[in-house]
Amino acid sequence: MIIRILEDEVMDNPQEASAYDAMDHSAVNAQFVADLCATFPLDPSATEGSFHDVLDVGTGTALIPIALCQKLPMARVMAIDMSTAMLTLAKANVDMDGMLDRIQLAHIDAADTGYENEMFDLVISNSIVHHLEDPLPTLQEIVRVTRPQGMIFVRDLLRPQSEEELTRLVETYGGANETERRLFGDSLRAALTLDEIRELITPLGFAPETVQLTSDRHWTWAARKS
């Protein structure tokens, strides 16, 4: 078993943020949105009675909120991150895609958002958990701000079982250059195992089975709040 080695909690280095933004996340982001819509399910053509208010926790450069709003015309997204470098790039991305009226960006701590209880119809997050030394406060906050019967959809990387598996994943998915491969390898080492994330969400009132492996390198927590 590979021992967890933490990354920096906030990627606030402009060069690393730019390198991250330059990586091709389009397929992964499209899969995230497609899986989200299939899981609950969410109807892109629906208007009356559709959910509206979405929180994206750890939005990075806001590529998933953009993809979500392109898919779901009724969605409005509050996208938060603690990295000013990421948010600078996110603003440019949101502006370029003409989404300034539907995606709001905010520099906010995911573990203490300050939002009202049960404020959001849907809370999503992609690849924030592996950045957190202690993910529990952020997971608690996600549950707190989700309305009753609201939806939670959190996806992150899965820590490999062995160095051989880590090497295979980096070679397969790590990107086109050494910087991208290093960032991906570091993220895999910082990720949780399936058992670890299940142990975290169970005391929050969710069945362990709401977290499943959804690829050879991802787990996904998909649940409705009771």
C-alpha atoms as a PDB file:
ATOM      1  CA  MET A   1       0.000   0.000   0.000  1.00  0.00           C
ATOM      2  CA  ILE A   2       1.299   3.461  -0.907  1.00  0.00           C
ATOM      3  CA  ILE A   3       1.492   5.849   2.054  1.00  0.00           C
ATOM      4  CA  ARG A   4      -0.446   9.078   1.587  1.00  0.00           C
ATOM      5  CA  ILE A   5       1.841  12.060   0.902  1.00  0.00           C
ATOM      6  CA  LEU A   6       0.046  15.394   0.961  1.00  0.00           C
ATOM      7  CA  GLU A   7       0.255  18.057  -1.715  1.00  0.00           C
ATOM      8  CA  ASP A   8       0.011  21.773  -1.015  1.00  0.00           C
ATOM      9  CA  GLU A   9      -3.554  22.412   0.120  1.00  0.00           C
ATOM     10  CA  VAL A  10      -3.895  25.457  -2.146  1.00  0.00           C
ATOM     11  CA  MET A  11      -2.328  25.577  -5.624  1.00  0.00           C
ATOM     12  CA  ASP A  12      -1.637  29.322  -5.611  1.00  0.00           C
ATOM     13  CA  ASN A  13       1.502  29.300  -7.720  1.00  0.00           C
ATOM     14  CA  PRO A  14       0.583  31.100 -10.986  1.00  0.00           C
ATOM     15  CA  GLN A  15       2.887  28.901 -13.050  1.00  0.00           C
ATOM     16  CA  GLU A  16       1.416  25.680 -11.675  1.00  0.00           C
ATOM     17  CA  ALA A  17      -2.117  27.040 -12.025  1.00  0.00           C
ATOM     18  CA  SER A  18      -1.420  27.894 -15.663  1.00  0.00           C
ATOM     19  CA  ALA A  19       0.087  24.458 -16.248  1.00  0.00           C
ATOM     20  CA  TYR A  20      -3.012  22.874 -14.729  1.00  0.00           C
ATOM     21  CA  ASP A  21      -5.342  25.003 -16.843  1.00  0.00           C
ATOM     22  CA  ALA A  22      -3.404  24.144 -19.991  1.00  0.00           C
ATOM     23  CA  MET A  23      -3.867  20.403 -19.448  1.00  0.00           C
ATOM     24  CA  ASP A  24      -6.622  18.810 -21.511  1.00  0.00           C
ATOM     25  CA  HIS A  25      -9.394  18.092 -18.977  1.00  0.00           C
ATOM     26  CA  SER A  26     -12.184  18.136 -21.538  1.00  0.00           C
ATOM     27  CA  ALA A  27     -12.895  14.392 -21.569  1.00  0.00           C
ATOM     28  CA  VAL A  28     -12.770  14.070 -17.774  1.00  0.00           C
ATOM     29  CA  ASN A  29     -14.974  17.146 -17.294  1.00  0.00           C
ATOM     30  CA  ALA A  30     -17.501  15.957 -19.879  1.00  0.00           C
ATOM     31  CA  GLN A  31     -17.626  12.568 -18.156  1.00  0.00           C
ATOM     32  CA  PHE A  32     -18.192  14.259 -14.787  1.00  0.00           C
ATOM     33  CA  VAL A  33     -21.192  16.185 -16.129  1.00  0.00           C
ATOM     34  CA  ALA A  34     -22.571  13.194 -18.034  1.00  0.00           C
ATOM     35  CA  ASP A  35     -22.298  10.945 -14.964  1.00  0.00           C
ATOM     36  CA  LEU A  36     -23.911  13.617 -12.792  1.00  0.00           C
ATOM     37  CA  CYS A  37     -26.866  13.964 -15.158  1.00  0.00           C
ATOM     38  CA  ALA A  38     -27.258  10.189 -15.424  1.00  0.00           C
ATOM     39  CA  THR A  39     -27.008   9.535 -11.699  1.00  0.00           C
ATOM     40  CA  PHE A  40     -29.899  11.618 -10.424  1.00  0.00           C
ATOM     41  CA  PRO A  41     -31.021  12.055 -13.385  1.00  0.00           C
ATOM     42  CA  LEU A  42     -31.040  15.674 -14.543  1.00  0.00           C
ATOM     43  CA  ASP A  43     -32.989  16.590 -17.669  1.00  0.00           C
ATOM     44  CA  PRO A  44     -31.291  19.261 -19.813  1.00  0.00           C
ATOM     45  CA  SER A  45     -34.630  20.169 -21.427  1.00  0.00           C
ATOM     46  CA  ALA A  46     -36.516  20.632 -18.153  1.00  0.00           C
ATOM     47  CA  THR A  47     -37.555  24.121 -17.071  1.00  0.00           C
ATOM     48  CA  GLU A  48     -40.325  24.190 -14.472  1.00  0.00           C
ATOM     49  CA  GLY A  49     -39.361  22.411 -11.280  1.00  0.00           C
ATOM     50  CA  SER A  50     -35.723  22.063 -12.306  1.00  0.00           C
ATOM     51  CA  PHE A  51     -32.995  22.640  -9.756  1.00  0.00           C
ATOM     52  CA  HIS A  52     -31.300  25.987  -9.971  1.00  0.00           C
ATOM     53  CA  ASP A  53     -28.662  26.657  -7.359  1.00  0.00           C
ATOM     54  CA  VAL A  54     -25.369  24.759  -7.573  1.00  0.00           C
ATOM     55  CA  LEU A  55     -22.242  25.039  -5.435  1.00  0.00           C
ATOM     56  CA  ASP A  56     -18.943  23.903  -6.940  1.00  0.00           C
ATOM     57  CA  VAL A  57     -16.417  23.308  -4.163  1.00  0.00           C
ATOM     58  CA  GLY A  58     -12.808  23.757  -5.260  1.00  0.00           C
ATOM     59  CA  THR A  59     -13.696  24.943  -8.732  1.00  0.00           C
ATOM     60  CA  GLY A  60     -10.124  25.440  -9.917  1.00  0.00           C
ATOM     61  CA  THR A  61     -10.340  27.214 -13.244  1.00  0.00           C
ATOM     62  CA  ALA A  62     -14.135  26.720 -13.457  1.00  0.00           C
ATOM     63  CA  LEU A  63     -14.128  24.321 -16.385  1.00  0.00           C
ATOM     64  CA  ILE A  64     -16.715  21.987 -14.849  1.00  0.00           C
ATOM     65  CA  PRO A  65     -19.222  24.782 -14.036  1.00  0.00           C
ATOM     66  CA  ILE A  66     -18.889  25.949 -17.634  1.00  0.00           C
ATOM     67  CA  ALA A  67     -19.529  22.428 -18.947  1.00  0.00           C
ATOM     68  CA  LEU A  68     -22.445  22.006 -16.532  1.00  0.00           C
ATOM     69  CA  CYS A  69     -24.094  25.283 -17.574  1.00  0.00           C
ATOM     70  CA  GLN A  70     -23.678  24.370 -21.228  1.00  0.00           C
ATOM     71  CA  LYS A  71     -25.497  21.093 -20.538  1.00  0.00           C
ATOM     72  CA  LEU A  72     -28.160  22.408 -18.131  1.00  0.00           C
ATOM     73  CA  PRO A  73     -29.665  25.766 -19.123  1.00  0.00           C
ATOM     74  CA  MET A  74     -31.401  26.205 -15.742  1.00  0.00           C
ATOM     75  CA  ALA A  75     -28.258  25.851 -13.623  1.00  0.00           C
ATOM     76  CA  ARG A  76     -26.730  28.761 -11.728  1.00  0.00           C
ATOM     77  CA  VAL A  77     -23.366  28.030 -10.129  1.00  0.00           C
ATOM     78  CA  MET A  78     -21.509  29.535  -7.190  1.00  0.00           C
ATOM     79  CA  ALA A  79     -17.930  28.391  -7.796  1.00  0.00           C
ATOM     80  CA  ILE A  80     -15.504  28.691  -4.887  1.00  0.00           C
ATOM     81  CA  ASP A  81     -11.791  28.162  -4.460  1.00  0.00           C
ATOM     82  CA  MET A  82      -9.020  29.242  -2.104  1.00  0.00           C
ATOM     83  CA  SER A  83      -6.473  29.802  -4.893  1.00  0.00           C
ATOM     84  CA  THR A  84      -6.387  33.331  -6.260  1.00  0.00           C
ATOM     85  CA  ALA A  85      -4.246  32.109  -9.160  1.00  0.00           C
ATOM     86  CA  MET A  86      -6.897  29.560 -10.104  1.00  0.00           C
ATOM     87  CA  LEU A  87      -9.715  32.080  -9.743  1.00  0.00           C
ATOM     88  CA  THR A  88      -7.920  34.559 -12.014  1.00  0.00           C
ATOM     89  CA  LEU A  89      -7.841  31.927 -14.745  1.00  0.00           C
ATOM     90  CA  ALA A  90     -11.402  30.878 -13.910  1.00  0.00           C
ATOM     91  CA  LYS A  91     -12.681  34.427 -14.471  1.00  0.00           C
ATOM     92  CA  ALA A  92     -11.055  34.501 -17.902  1.00  0.00           C
ATOM     93  CA  ASN A  93     -12.565  31.114 -18.780  1.00  0.00           C
ATOM     94  CA  VAL A  94     -16.057  32.091 -17.590  1.00  0.00           C
ATOM     95  CA  ASP A  95     -15.881  35.397 -19.467  1.00  0.00           C
ATOM     96  CA  MET A  96     -14.633  33.753 -22.651  1.00  0.00           C
ATOM     97  CA  ASP A  97     -17.532  31.285 -22.600  1.00  0.00           C
ATOM     98  CA  GLY A  98     -20.121  33.995 -21.952  1.00  0.00           C
ATOM     99  CA  MET A  99     -21.160  32.598 -18.559  1.00  0.00           C
ATOM    100  CA  LEU A 100     -20.658  35.643 -16.322  1.00  0.00           C
ATOM    101  CA  ASP A 101     -24.415  35.863 -15.686  1.00  0.00           C
ATOM    102  CA  ARG A 102     -24.669  32.223 -14.550  1.00  0.00           C
ATOM    103  CA  ILE A 103     -21.349  31.436 -12.827  1.00  0.00           C
ATOM    104  CA  GLN A 104     -20.233  33.464  -9.819  1.00  0.00           C
ATOM    105  CA  LEU A 105     -16.697  33.048  -8.509  1.00  0.00           C
ATOM    106  CA  ALA A 106     -15.667  33.533  -4.890  1.00  0.00           C
ATOM    107  CA  HIS A 107     -12.480  33.218  -2.824  1.00  0.00           C
ATOM    108  CA  ILE A 108     -13.889  31.086  -0.005  1.00  0.00           C
ATOM    109  CA  ASP A 109     -12.649  28.331   2.310  1.00  0.00           C
ATOM    110  CA  ALA A 110     -14.490  25.114   1.457  1.00  0.00           C
ATOM    111  CA  ALA A 111     -14.481  24.064   5.120  1.00  0.00           C
ATOM    112  CA  ASP A 112     -16.165  27.284   6.275  1.00  0.00           C
ATOM    113  CA  THR A 113     -18.148  28.826   3.435  1.00  0.00           C
ATOM    114  CA  GLY A 114     -20.389  31.107   5.456  1.00  0.00           C
ATOM    115  CA  TYR A 115     -23.393  30.124   3.329  1.00  0.00           C
ATOM    116  CA  GLU A 116     -26.770  29.507   4.938  1.00  0.00           C
ATOM    117  CA  ASN A 117     -27.854  26.009   5.903  1.00  0.00           C
ATOM    118  CA  GLU A 118     -29.538  23.999   3.133  1.00  0.00           C
ATOM    119  CA  MET A 119     -28.923  26.700   0.523  1.00  0.00           C
ATOM    120  CA  PHE A 120     -28.070  24.652  -2.564  1.00  0.00           C
ATOM    121  CA  ASP A 121     -30.002  22.168  -4.692  1.00  0.00           C
ATOM    122  CA  LEU A 122     -26.796  20.492  -5.808  1.00  0.00           C
ATOM    123  CA  VAL A 123     -23.252  20.521  -4.432  1.00  0.00           C
ATOM    124  CA  ILE A 124     -20.486  19.232  -6.672  1.00  0.00           C
ATOM    125  CA  SER A 125     -16.744  18.901  -6.281  1.00  0.00           C
ATOM    126  CA  ASN A 126     -14.033  17.463  -8.467  1.00  0.00           C
ATOM    127  CA  SER A 127     -10.531  16.763  -7.176  1.00  0.00           C
ATOM    128  CA  ILE A 128     -10.478  18.875  -4.031  1.00  0.00           C
ATOM    129  CA  VAL A 129     -10.420  16.074  -1.440  1.00  0.00           C
ATOM    130  CA  HIS A 130      -6.887  14.921  -2.216  1.00  0.00           C
ATOM    131  CA  HIS A 131      -5.618  18.458  -1.484  1.00  0.00           C
ATOM    132  CA  LEU A 132      -6.968  18.401   2.078  1.00  0.00           C
ATOM    133  CA  GLU A 133      -4.977  17.118   5.041  1.00  0.00           C
ATOM    134  CA  ASP A 134      -8.279  16.566   6.848  1.00  0.00           C
ATOM    135  CA  PRO A 135     -11.172  16.356   4.369  1.00  0.00           C
ATOM    136  CA  LEU A 136     -13.859  15.889   7.049  1.00  0.00           C
ATOM    137  CA  PRO A 137     -14.659  19.589   7.720  1.00  0.00           C
ATOM    138  CA  THR A 138     -15.158  20.197   3.992  1.00  0.00           C
ATOM    139  CA  LEU A 139     -17.371  17.117   3.654  1.00  0.00           C
ATOM    140  CA  GLN A 140     -19.393  18.276   6.661  1.00  0.00           C
ATOM    141  CA  GLU A 141     -19.796  21.695   5.051  1.00  0.00           C
ATOM    142  CA  ILE A 142     -20.964  20.120   1.799  1.00  0.00           C
ATOM    143  CA  VAL A 143     -23.682  18.260   3.677  1.00  0.00           C
ATOM    144  CA  ARG A 144     -24.671  21.332   5.709  1.00  0.00           C
ATOM    145  CA  VAL A 145     -25.298  23.595   2.709  1.00  0.00           C
ATOM    146  CA  THR A 146     -27.214  20.970   0.696  1.00  0.00           C
ATOM    147  CA  ARG A 147     -30.989  21.234   0.989  1.00  0.00           C
ATOM    148  CA  PRO A 148     -33.077  18.217   2.095  1.00  0.00           C
ATOM    149  CA  GLN A 149     -33.388  15.836  -0.863  1.00  0.00           C
ATOM    150  CA  GLY A 150     -30.674  17.869  -2.546  1.00  0.00           C
ATOM    151  CA  MET A 151     -27.884  16.189  -4.456  1.00  0.00           C
ATOM    152  CA  ILE A 152     -24.224  15.656  -3.597  1.00  0.00           C
ATOM    153  CA  PHE A 153     -21.783  14.623  -6.312  1.00  0.00           C
ATOM    154  CA  VAL A 154     -18.107  14.517  -5.296  1.00  0.00           C
ATOM    155  CA  ARG A 155     -15.382  12.892  -7.365  1.00  0.00           C
ATOM    156  CA  ASP A 156     -11.679  12.570  -6.728  1.00  0.00           C
ATOM    157  CA  LEU A 157      -8.632  10.512  -7.484  1.00  0.00           C
ATOM    158  CA  LEU A 158      -8.027   7.099  -5.933  1.00  0.00           C
ATOM    159  CA  ARG A 159      -4.667   6.341  -4.323  1.00  0.00           C
ATOM    160  CA  PRO A 160      -3.121   3.325  -6.085  1.00  0.00           C
ATOM    161  CA  GLN A 161      -2.315   0.127  -4.244  1.00  0.00           C
ATOM    162  CA  SER A 162       1.289  -0.073  -5.463  1.00  0.00           C
ATOM    163  CA  GLU A 163       4.106   1.884  -7.049  1.00  0.00           C
ATOM    164  CA  GLU A 164       3.672  -0.231 -10.179  1.00  0.00           C
ATOM    165  CA  GLU A 165       0.032   0.811 -10.473  1.00  0.00           C
ATOM    166  CA  LEU A 166       0.921   4.460  -9.868  1.00  0.00           C
ATOM    167  CA  THR A 167       3.524   4.320 -12.617  1.00  0.00           C
ATOM    168  CA  ARG A 168       0.991   2.773 -15.010  1.00  0.00           C
ATOM    169  CA  LEU A 169      -1.574   5.475 -14.274  1.00  0.00           C
ATOM    170  CA  VAL A 170       0.950   8.270 -14.737  1.00  0.00           C
ATOM    171  CA  GLU A 171       2.133   6.784 -18.019  1.00  0.00           C
ATOM    172  CA  THR A 172      -1.453   6.333 -19.232  1.00  0.00           C
ATOM    173  CA  TYR A 173      -3.060   9.572 -18.038  1.00  0.00           C
ATOM    174  CA  GLY A 174      -0.250  11.845 -16.870  1.00  0.00           C
ATOM    175  CA  GLY A 175      -0.128  14.171 -19.842  1.00  0.00           C
ATOM    176  CA  ALA A 176       2.285  15.281 -22.482  1.00  0.00           C
ATOM    177  CA  ASN A 177       5.179  16.686 -20.481  1.00  0.00           C
ATOM    178  CA  GLU A 178       7.156  16.165 -17.297  1.00  0.00           C
ATOM    179  CA  THR A 179       5.354  18.909 -15.350  1.00  0.00           C
ATOM    180  CA  GLU A 180       1.933  17.408 -16.067  1.00  0.00           C
ATOM    181  CA  ARG A 181       3.127  13.912 -15.160  1.00  0.00           C
ATOM    182  CA  ARG A 182       4.681  15.159 -11.915  1.00  0.00           C
ATOM    183  CA  LEU A 183       1.517  16.991 -10.895  1.00  0.00           C
ATOM    184  CA  PHE A 184      -0.618  13.946 -11.639  1.00  0.00           C
ATOM    185  CA  GLY A 185       1.698  11.571  -9.787  1.00  0.00           C
ATOM    186  CA  ASP A 186       1.756  13.858  -6.743  1.00  0.00           C
ATOM    187  CA  SER A 187      -2.045  14.020  -6.796  1.00  0.00           C
ATOM    188  CA  LEU A 188      -2.353  10.231  -6.888  1.00  0.00           C
ATOM    189  CA  ARG A 189      -0.073   9.937  -3.849  1.00  0.00           C
ATOM    190  CA  ALA A 190      -2.195  12.488  -1.979  1.00  0.00           C
ATOM    191  CA  ALA A 191      -5.509  10.806  -2.819  1.00  0.00           C
ATOM    192  CA  LEU A 192      -7.652   8.684  -0.507  1.00  0.00           C
ATOM    193  CA  THR A 193      -8.438   5.014  -0.841  1.00  0.00           C
ATOM    194  CA  LEU A 194     -12.017   3.793  -1.215  1.00  0.00           C
ATOM    195  CA  ASP A 195     -12.080   2.620   2.408  1.00  0.00           C
ATOM    196  CA  GLU A 196     -10.771   5.954   3.669  1.00  0.00           C
ATOM    197  CA  ILE A 197     -13.422   8.069   1.954  1.00  0.00           C
ATOM    198  CA  ARG A 198     -16.180   5.647   2.964  1.00  0.00           C
ATOM    199  CA  GLU A 199     -15.071   5.911   6.588  1.00  0.00           C
ATOM    200  CA  LEU A 200     -15.353   9.700   6.365  1.00  0.00           C
ATOM    201  CA  ILE A 201     -18.861   9.916   4.909  1.00  0.00           C
ATOM    202  CA  THR A 202     -20.480   7.199   7.048  1.00  0.00           C
ATOM    203  CA  PRO A 203     -20.642   9.312  10.272  1.00  0.00           C
ATOM    204  CA  LEU A 204     -22.288  12.057   8.196  1.00  0.00           C
ATOM    205  CA  GLY A 205     -25.323   9.835   7.745  1.00  0.00           C
ATOM    206  CA  PHE A 206     -24.588   8.298   4.345  1.00  0.00           C
ATOM    207  CA  ALA A 207     -24.204   4.637   3.458  1.00  0.00           C
ATOM    208  CA  PRO A 208     -20.674   3.565   2.551  1.00  0.00           C
ATOM    209  CA  GLU A 209     -22.056   2.242  -0.747  1.00  0.00           C
ATOM    210  CA  THR A 210     -22.821   5.812  -1.867  1.00  0.00           C
ATOM    211  CA  VAL A 211     -19.095   5.973  -2.667  1.00  0.00           C
ATOM    212  CA  GLN A 212     -18.115   3.772  -5.587  1.00  0.00           C
ATOM    213  CA  LEU A 213     -15.117   3.274  -7.848  1.00  0.00           C
ATOM    214  CA  THR A 214     -16.039   4.937 -11.129  1.00  0.00           C
ATOM    215  CA  SER A 215     -12.823   4.441 -13.091  1.00  0.00           C
ATOM    216  CA  ASP A 216      -9.391   2.912 -12.619  1.00  0.00           C
ATOM    217  CA  ARG A 217      -8.303   6.165 -10.943  1.00  0.00           C
ATOM    218  CA  HIS A 218     -11.458   7.775  -9.493  1.00  0.00           C
ATOM    219  CA  TRP A 219     -14.017   7.302  -6.747  1.00  0.00           C
ATOM    220  CA  THR A 220     -17.357   9.133  -6.736  1.00  0.00           C
ATOM    221  CA  TRP A 221     -19.650   9.979  -3.841  1.00  0.00           C
ATOM    222  CA  ALA A 222     -23.185  10.390  -5.201  1.00  0.00           C
ATOM    223  CA  ALA A 223     -26.046  10.760  -2.749  1.00  0.00           C
ATOM    224  CA  ARG A 224     -29.236  12.594  -1.874  1.00  0.00           C
ATOM    225  CA  LYS A 225     -29.414  14.283   1.497  1.00  0.00           C
ATOM    226  CA  SER A 226     -32.265  12.945   3.598  1.00  0.00           C
END
